Amino acid sequence: MKKYWSAEAGKKSDALDLEEVVFTFKDPAKIALSLKRSALESPRRKGTPFQSAMSMLNFYINRAGKNLAVSRKRILEEAKEELRKSFKK
């Protein structure tokens, strides 16, 4: 089995403590609120809560790459907009 650096990065780095199912939600607003809550509560972040939440969302999108369905990517991109709104950015 091939090991990927990104799998370890999500487990052992200063990554946020996320809800395990956050990226399976169908509602972009629900994804954004979960990421925001995790970013605000987590002691394991380096940047601002907004930076950390957006970073995790981008990390997930980039890690999925070509395997991410178009409909799923659209939901996650909408979650970015919801995240910006929730942090007033």
C-alpha atoms as a PDB file:
ATOM      1  CA  MET A   1       0.000   0.000   0.000  1.00  0.00           C
ATOM      2  CA  LYS A   2       1.384   3.372  -1.027  1.00  0.00           C
ATOM      3  CA  LYS A   3       1.668   5.968   1.733  1.00  0.00           C
ATOM      4  CA  TYR A   4       0.979   9.618   1.076  1.00  0.00           C
ATOM      5  CA  TRP A   5       2.568  12.489   2.972  1.00  0.00           C
ATOM      6  CA  SER A   6      -0.794  14.292   3.030  1.00  0.00           C
ATOM      7  CA  ALA A   7      -2.446  11.566   5.115  1.00  0.00           C
ATOM      8  CA  GLU A   8       0.227  11.920   7.793  1.00  0.00           C
ATOM      9  CA  ALA A   9       0.088  15.715   7.577  1.00  0.00           C
ATOM     10  CA  GLY A  10      -3.577  15.699   8.500  1.00  0.00           C
ATOM     11  CA  LYS A  11      -2.974  13.477  11.519  1.00  0.00           C
ATOM     12  CA  LYS A  12       0.316  14.653  13.015  1.00  0.00           C
ATOM     13  CA  SER A  13       0.678  18.305  12.038  1.00  0.00           C
ATOM     14  CA  ASP A  14      -0.848  21.380  13.627  1.00  0.00           C
ATOM     15  CA  ALA A  15      -3.967  20.640  11.625  1.00  0.00           C
ATOM     16  CA  LEU A  16      -7.316  21.439  13.148  1.00  0.00           C
ATOM     17  CA  ASP A  17      -9.335  18.906  15.083  1.00  0.00           C
ATOM     18  CA  LEU A  18     -12.233  18.486  12.649  1.00  0.00           C
ATOM     19  CA  GLU A  19     -15.512  16.646  12.785  1.00  0.00           C
ATOM     20  CA  GLU A  20     -14.772  13.395  10.968  1.00  0.00           C
ATOM     21  CA  VAL A  21     -17.666  13.806   8.536  1.00  0.00           C
ATOM     22  CA  VAL A  22     -17.329  17.536   7.848  1.00  0.00           C
ATOM     23  CA  PHE A  23     -16.397  17.110   4.188  1.00  0.00           C
ATOM     24  CA  THR A  24     -19.336  14.789   3.510  1.00  0.00           C
ATOM     25  CA  PHE A  25     -21.992  17.392   4.344  1.00  0.00           C
ATOM     26  CA  LYS A  26     -24.140  18.414   1.383  1.00  0.00           C
ATOM     27  CA  ASP A  27     -24.792  21.927   2.703  1.00  0.00           C
ATOM     28  CA  PRO A  28     -21.921  24.399   2.092  1.00  0.00           C
ATOM     29  CA  ALA A  29     -23.044  26.552   5.033  1.00  0.00           C
ATOM     30  CA  LYS A  30     -22.897  23.543   7.363  1.00  0.00           C
ATOM     31  CA  ILE A  31     -19.364  22.744   6.169  1.00  0.00           C
ATOM     32  CA  ALA A  32     -18.288  26.345   6.722  1.00  0.00           C
ATOM     33  CA  LEU A  33     -19.788  26.542  10.205  1.00  0.00           C
ATOM     34  CA  SER A  34     -18.166  23.273  11.236  1.00  0.00           C
ATOM     35  CA  LEU A  35     -14.768  24.464   9.983  1.00  0.00           C
ATOM     36  CA  LYS A  36     -15.230  27.808  11.720  1.00  0.00           C
ATOM     37  CA  ARG A  37     -16.171  26.135  15.008  1.00  0.00           C
ATOM     38  CA  SER A  38     -13.151  23.830  14.774  1.00  0.00           C
ATOM     39  CA  ALA A  39     -10.819  26.723  13.970  1.00  0.00           C
ATOM     40  CA  LEU A  40     -12.076  28.841  16.849  1.00  0.00           C
ATOM     41  CA  GLU A  41     -11.855  26.006  19.379  1.00  0.00           C
ATOM     42  CA  SER A  42      -8.638  24.315  18.284  1.00  0.00           C
ATOM     43  CA  PRO A  43      -5.415  24.998  20.171  1.00  0.00           C
ATOM     44  CA  ARG A  44      -3.549  23.293  17.291  1.00  0.00           C
ATOM     45  CA  ARG A  45      -3.552  26.140  14.794  1.00  0.00           C
ATOM     46  CA  LYS A  46      -0.772  28.451  13.739  1.00  0.00           C
ATOM     47  CA  GLY A  47      -2.596  31.248  11.923  1.00  0.00           C
ATOM     48  CA  THR A  48      -5.863  33.043  12.481  1.00  0.00           C
ATOM     49  CA  PRO A  49      -9.031  30.963  12.727  1.00  0.00           C
ATOM     50  CA  PHE A  50     -10.032  32.079   9.209  1.00  0.00           C
ATOM     51  CA  GLN A  51      -6.655  31.109   7.742  1.00  0.00           C
ATOM     52  CA  SER A  52      -6.727  27.733   9.446  1.00  0.00           C
ATOM     53  CA  ALA A  53     -10.277  26.904   8.356  1.00  0.00           C
ATOM     54  CA  MET A  54      -9.675  27.973   4.750  1.00  0.00           C
ATOM     55  CA  SER A  55      -6.381  26.105   4.705  1.00  0.00           C
ATOM     56  CA  MET A  56      -8.042  22.850   5.761  1.00  0.00           C
ATOM     57  CA  LEU A  57     -10.732  23.255   3.123  1.00  0.00           C
ATOM     58  CA  ASN A  58      -8.153  23.904   0.400  1.00  0.00           C
ATOM     59  CA  PHE A  59      -6.013  21.030   1.663  1.00  0.00           C
ATOM     60  CA  TYR A  60      -8.959  18.649   1.327  1.00  0.00           C
ATOM     61  CA  ILE A  61      -9.869  19.898  -2.171  1.00  0.00           C
ATOM     62  CA  ASN A  62      -6.272  19.676  -3.378  1.00  0.00           C
ATOM     63  CA  ARG A  63      -5.708  16.271  -1.819  1.00  0.00           C
ATOM     64  CA  ALA A  64      -8.787  14.835  -3.532  1.00  0.00           C
ATOM     65  CA  GLY A  65      -7.562  16.186  -6.867  1.00  0.00           C
ATOM     66  CA  LYS A  66      -9.015  14.519  -9.952  1.00  0.00           C
ATOM     67  CA  ASN A  67     -10.933  12.038  -7.802  1.00  0.00           C
ATOM     68  CA  LEU A  68     -13.248  14.779  -6.535  1.00  0.00           C
ATOM     69  CA  ALA A  69     -16.595  14.748  -8.358  1.00  0.00           C
ATOM     70  CA  VAL A  70     -17.595  18.002 -10.049  1.00  0.00           C
ATOM     71  CA  SER A  71     -20.746  18.275  -7.921  1.00  0.00           C
ATOM     72  CA  ARG A  72     -18.728  17.734  -4.735  1.00  0.00           C
ATOM     73  CA  LYS A  73     -16.125  20.308  -5.769  1.00  0.00           C
ATOM     74  CA  ARG A  74     -18.904  22.833  -6.423  1.00  0.00           C
ATOM     75  CA  ILE A  75     -20.253  22.307  -2.895  1.00  0.00           C
ATOM     76  CA  LEU A  76     -16.778  22.728  -1.386  1.00  0.00           C
ATOM     77  CA  GLU A  77     -16.107  25.875  -3.441  1.00  0.00           C
ATOM     78  CA  GLU A  78     -19.432  27.266  -2.202  1.00  0.00           C
ATOM     79  CA  ALA A  79     -18.296  26.394   1.319  1.00  0.00           C
ATOM     80  CA  LYS A  80     -15.316  28.706   0.785  1.00  0.00           C
ATOM     81  CA  GLU A  81     -17.708  31.572   0.076  1.00  0.00           C
ATOM     82  CA  GLU A  82     -19.769  30.686   3.150  1.00  0.00           C
ATOM     83  CA  LEU A  83     -16.598  30.602   5.214  1.00  0.00           C
ATOM     84  CA  ARG A  84     -15.630  34.074   3.991  1.00  0.00           C
ATOM     85  CA  LYS A  85     -19.116  35.349   4.886  1.00  0.00           C
ATOM     86  CA  SER A  86     -19.027  33.790   8.338  1.00  0.00           C
ATOM     87  CA  PHE A  87     -15.689  35.453   9.085  1.00  0.00           C
ATOM     88  CA  LYS A  88     -16.783  38.660   7.322  1.00  0.00           C
ATOM     89  CA  LYS A  89     -13.891  38.508   4.813  1.00  0.00           C
END
